Amino acid sequence: MKILLFTLALAATIAAGFWFGRTTAPARRVSDESLRKISGSARPDASLADASNQSLTIERLIERLELECKRGVWRQTREWATLLGGLSASDLAHLISGARHLVLDPVQEELRRTLLALWSELDPAGALAFAEKLPPSRLRESSILAALKGWLRTHPLEAVAWIRKLPAGAVKNDAILLALPILSSQNPRAALELVVQLPPNQRSEA
């Protein structure tokens, strides 16, 4: 009888400890693995914009960008390509807005180019509007070119039509030089017509 009572008491103690541990365990932060699953989404055609916890996920990405930029210059990796490649245009706009201070840090050129090019692939008007609103500077010019590069990947002829309308100057010349390698393989005649818009001293570079 004593053995039975002792066994029952021991079982009760173990059960109570298990229950107490479950109810008092601290809440876990979203892990990187969970973030990857969320960003990939359960459905192949879904994006973070479809998720109810979009704000948390974008904020988590911003936190990670903050940490990496504090360590030094941000570099594109396979993991970052997977994370950022699953974002929608609105996700990228939200991310760039929330991490604006990082995106516009002159040191973080690769981060700026990567995010603006991805955004422009999905929403060229939005990405270019962001870049064009920046104060006149070399950073503004490089941001416009980064956004233009994404547009050239997805809709080169539309991008070239936009380049033709740019006023003469350094931005237009750099944009033409950026577009020519892509355009020459798809539409050599259009590429030649674009070269003519370069200053004579830059046509040899094309």
Protein backbone atom coordinates (compact mmCIF):
# COMPACT_ATOMS: atom_id res chain seq x y z
CA MET A 1 0.00 0.00 0.00
CA LYS A 2 2.81 2.39 0.92
CA ILE A 3 4.57 1.62 -2.35
CA LEU A 4 1.37 2.36 -4.28
CA LEU A 5 0.86 5.68 -2.48
CA PHE A 6 4.51 6.64 -3.07
CA THR A 7 4.19 5.83 -6.79
CA LEU A 8 1.01 7.92 -7.11
CA ALA A 9 2.61 10.87 -5.28
CA LEU A 10 5.69 10.72 -7.52
CA ALA A 11 3.56 10.64 -10.67
CA ALA A 12 1.54 13.63 -9.44
CA THR A 13 4.73 15.61 -8.72
CA ILE A 14 6.12 14.90 -12.21
CA ALA A 15 2.82 15.87 -13.85
CA ALA A 16 2.62 19.10 -11.86
CA GLY A 17 6.19 20.00 -12.78
CA PHE A 18 5.49 19.37 -16.48
CA TRP A 19 2.33 21.52 -16.41
CA PHE A 20 4.07 24.33 -14.50
CA GLY A 21 6.96 24.32 -16.94
CA ARG A 22 4.65 24.61 -19.92
CA THR A 23 2.59 27.42 -18.46
CA THR A 24 5.55 29.53 -17.27
CA ALA A 25 7.96 29.09 -20.21
CA PRO A 26 8.89 32.47 -21.72
CA ALA A 27 7.48 33.37 -25.16
CA ARG A 28 9.89 32.56 -27.97
CA ARG A 29 10.83 35.09 -30.60
CA VAL A 30 10.23 34.24 -34.22
CA SER A 31 13.22 32.20 -35.34
CA ASP A 32 15.01 32.68 -38.63
CA GLU A 33 13.71 29.29 -39.76
CA SER A 34 10.14 30.38 -39.00
CA LEU A 35 10.79 33.61 -40.84
CA ARG A 36 11.95 31.71 -43.88
CA LYS A 37 8.81 29.60 -43.80
CA ILE A 38 6.63 32.69 -43.47
CA SER A 39 8.40 34.54 -46.25
CA GLY A 40 8.17 31.49 -48.51
CA SER A 41 4.51 31.19 -47.50
CA ALA A 42 2.39 28.08 -47.41
CA ARG A 43 1.12 28.78 -50.92
CA PRO A 44 3.58 29.23 -53.81
CA ASP A 45 1.76 32.32 -55.09
CA ALA A 46 1.33 33.94 -51.70
CA SER A 47 3.40 36.81 -50.33
CA LEU A 48 3.94 38.47 -46.99
CA ALA A 49 1.21 40.91 -47.91
CA ASP A 50 -1.28 38.04 -47.59
CA ALA A 51 -0.19 37.15 -44.06
CA SER A 52 -1.92 38.50 -40.97
CA ASN A 53 1.48 38.87 -39.28
CA GLN A 54 3.02 40.87 -42.13
CA SER A 55 4.02 43.76 -39.86
CA LEU A 56 5.89 41.46 -37.48
CA THR A 57 7.70 39.75 -40.32
CA ILE A 58 8.79 42.97 -42.03
CA GLU A 59 9.90 44.37 -38.68
CA ARG A 60 11.92 41.19 -38.12
CA LEU A 61 13.64 41.67 -41.46
CA ILE A 62 14.44 45.27 -40.54
CA GLU A 63 15.90 44.08 -37.23
CA ARG A 64 18.15 41.65 -39.08
CA LEU A 65 19.25 44.35 -41.51
CA GLU A 66 20.05 46.60 -38.54
CA LEU A 67 22.22 43.92 -36.96
CA GLU A 68 24.11 43.11 -40.15
CA CYS A 69 24.72 46.75 -41.03
CA LYS A 70 26.06 47.41 -37.54
CA ARG A 71 28.66 44.70 -38.15
CA GLY A 72 29.78 46.32 -41.40
CA VAL A 73 28.77 46.45 -45.05
CA TRP A 74 25.70 44.36 -45.92
CA ARG A 75 26.31 41.68 -48.51
CA GLN A 76 23.84 39.67 -50.56
CA THR A 77 23.79 35.98 -49.60
CA ARG A 78 21.78 32.97 -50.71
CA GLU A 79 19.62 33.29 -47.59
CA TRP A 80 18.95 36.98 -48.17
CA ALA A 81 18.14 36.26 -51.82
CA THR A 82 15.51 33.74 -50.66
CA LEU A 83 14.05 36.06 -48.04
CA LEU A 84 13.90 39.16 -50.23
CA GLY A 85 12.90 37.29 -53.38
CA GLY A 86 9.63 36.21 -51.74
CA LEU A 87 8.47 39.77 -51.05
CA SER A 88 5.75 41.57 -52.97
CA ALA A 89 6.01 45.16 -54.23
CA SER A 90 4.14 46.46 -51.18
CA ASP A 91 6.35 44.39 -48.87
CA LEU A 92 9.46 45.91 -50.42
CA ALA A 93 8.03 49.42 -50.19
CA HIS A 94 7.31 48.81 -46.49
CA LEU A 95 10.76 47.35 -45.91
CA ILE A 96 12.57 50.21 -47.65
CA SER A 97 10.49 52.77 -45.79
CA GLY A 98 11.20 51.14 -42.43
CA ALA A 99 14.91 50.71 -43.17
CA ARG A 100 15.28 54.05 -44.98
CA HIS A 101 18.23 55.13 -42.81
CA LEU A 102 20.08 51.95 -43.81
CA VAL A 103 19.10 52.09 -47.47
CA LEU A 104 20.35 55.69 -47.75
CA ASP A 105 23.57 55.07 -45.85
CA PRO A 106 26.29 55.78 -48.46
CA VAL A 107 28.27 52.79 -47.16
CA GLN A 108 25.42 50.33 -47.79
CA GLU A 109 25.52 50.54 -51.57
CA GLU A 110 24.89 46.83 -52.17
CA LEU A 111 21.82 46.87 -49.91
CA ARG A 112 20.44 49.92 -51.70
CA ARG A 113 21.04 48.49 -55.17
CA THR A 114 19.56 45.12 -54.25
CA LEU A 115 16.35 46.43 -52.67
CA LEU A 116 15.65 49.08 -55.31
CA ALA A 117 16.27 46.66 -58.17
CA LEU A 118 13.93 44.06 -56.64
CA TRP A 119 11.26 46.67 -56.01
CA SER A 120 11.56 48.00 -59.55
CA GLU A 121 11.12 44.54 -61.05
CA LEU A 122 7.63 44.53 -59.50
CA ASP A 123 6.79 48.24 -59.34
CA PRO A 124 9.15 50.40 -61.42
CA ALA A 125 7.05 53.54 -60.93
CA GLY A 126 7.20 53.19 -57.14
CA ALA A 127 10.93 52.46 -57.01
CA LEU A 128 11.85 55.28 -59.40
CA ALA A 129 9.58 57.73 -57.57
CA PHE A 130 11.41 56.92 -54.33
CA ALA A 131 14.81 57.45 -55.98
CA GLU A 132 13.85 60.64 -57.81
CA LYS A 133 12.56 62.29 -54.62
CA LEU A 134 15.99 62.07 -53.01
CA PRO A 135 18.00 65.31 -52.77
CA PRO A 136 20.28 65.95 -55.74
CA SER A 137 23.45 63.96 -55.15
CA ARG A 138 25.50 61.08 -56.46
CA LEU A 139 23.50 58.83 -54.14
CA ARG A 140 20.29 59.94 -55.88
CA GLU A 141 21.79 59.18 -59.29
CA SER A 142 22.99 55.73 -58.24
CA SER A 143 19.57 54.99 -56.71
CA ILE A 144 17.83 55.87 -59.98
CA LEU A 145 20.21 53.56 -61.86
CA ALA A 146 19.63 50.76 -59.35
CA ALA A 147 15.87 51.04 -59.83
CA LEU A 148 16.30 51.25 -63.59
CA LYS A 149 18.34 48.05 -63.60
CA GLY A 150 15.44 46.08 -62.11
CA TRP A 151 13.06 47.53 -64.70
CA LEU A 152 15.44 46.63 -67.53
CA ARG A 153 15.41 43.00 -66.36
CA THR A 154 11.65 42.67 -66.61
CA HIS A 155 10.49 45.21 -69.22
CA PRO A 156 13.52 46.51 -71.13
CA LEU A 157 11.63 48.25 -73.94
CA GLU A 158 9.47 50.20 -71.48
CA ALA A 159 12.56 51.13 -69.51
CA VAL A 160 14.35 52.31 -72.65
CA ALA A 161 11.36 54.46 -73.61
CA TRP A 162 11.66 56.11 -70.20
CA ILE A 163 15.41 56.65 -70.67
CA ARG A 164 14.83 58.41 -73.99
CA LYS A 165 12.68 61.01 -72.21
CA LEU A 166 15.34 61.87 -69.63
CA PRO A 167 16.96 65.30 -69.96
CA ALA A 168 20.52 65.32 -71.29
CA GLY A 169 23.07 64.84 -68.58
CA ALA A 170 25.03 62.36 -66.49
CA VAL A 171 22.01 60.33 -65.36
CA LYS A 172 20.78 59.81 -68.90
CA ASN A 173 24.26 58.90 -70.15
CA ASP A 174 24.75 56.36 -67.36
CA ALA A 175 21.26 54.97 -67.94
CA ILE A 176 22.00 54.45 -71.63
CA LEU A 177 25.26 52.67 -70.84
CA LEU A 178 23.40 50.48 -68.35
CA ALA A 179 20.70 49.58 -70.89
CA LEU A 180 22.89 48.88 -73.93
CA PRO A 181 24.22 45.40 -72.94
CA ILE A 182 20.67 44.19 -72.37
CA LEU A 183 19.14 45.92 -75.38
CA SER A 184 21.86 44.94 -77.85
CA SER A 185 21.09 41.24 -77.42
CA GLN A 186 17.33 41.72 -77.83
CA ASN A 187 16.99 44.61 -80.24
CA PRO A 188 20.30 45.67 -81.85
CA ARG A 189 18.65 48.38 -83.96
CA ALA A 190 17.09 50.01 -80.91
CA ALA A 191 20.46 49.81 -79.17
CA LEU A 192 22.14 51.69 -82.03
CA GLU A 193 19.44 54.37 -81.92
CA LEU A 194 20.08 54.74 -78.20
CA VAL A 195 23.84 55.11 -78.70
CA VAL A 196 23.21 58.18 -80.84
CA GLN A 197 21.78 59.94 -77.78
CA LEU A 198 25.14 59.70 -76.02
CA PRO A 199 27.63 62.57 -76.26
CA PRO A 200 30.14 61.92 -79.07
CA ASN A 201 32.99 61.40 -76.61
CA GLN A 202 31.07 58.59 -74.85
CA ARG A 203 29.89 56.65 -77.89
CA SER A 204 33.12 54.69 -78.10
CA GLU A 205 32.47 53.39 -74.57
CA ALA A 206 29.21 51.85 -75.79
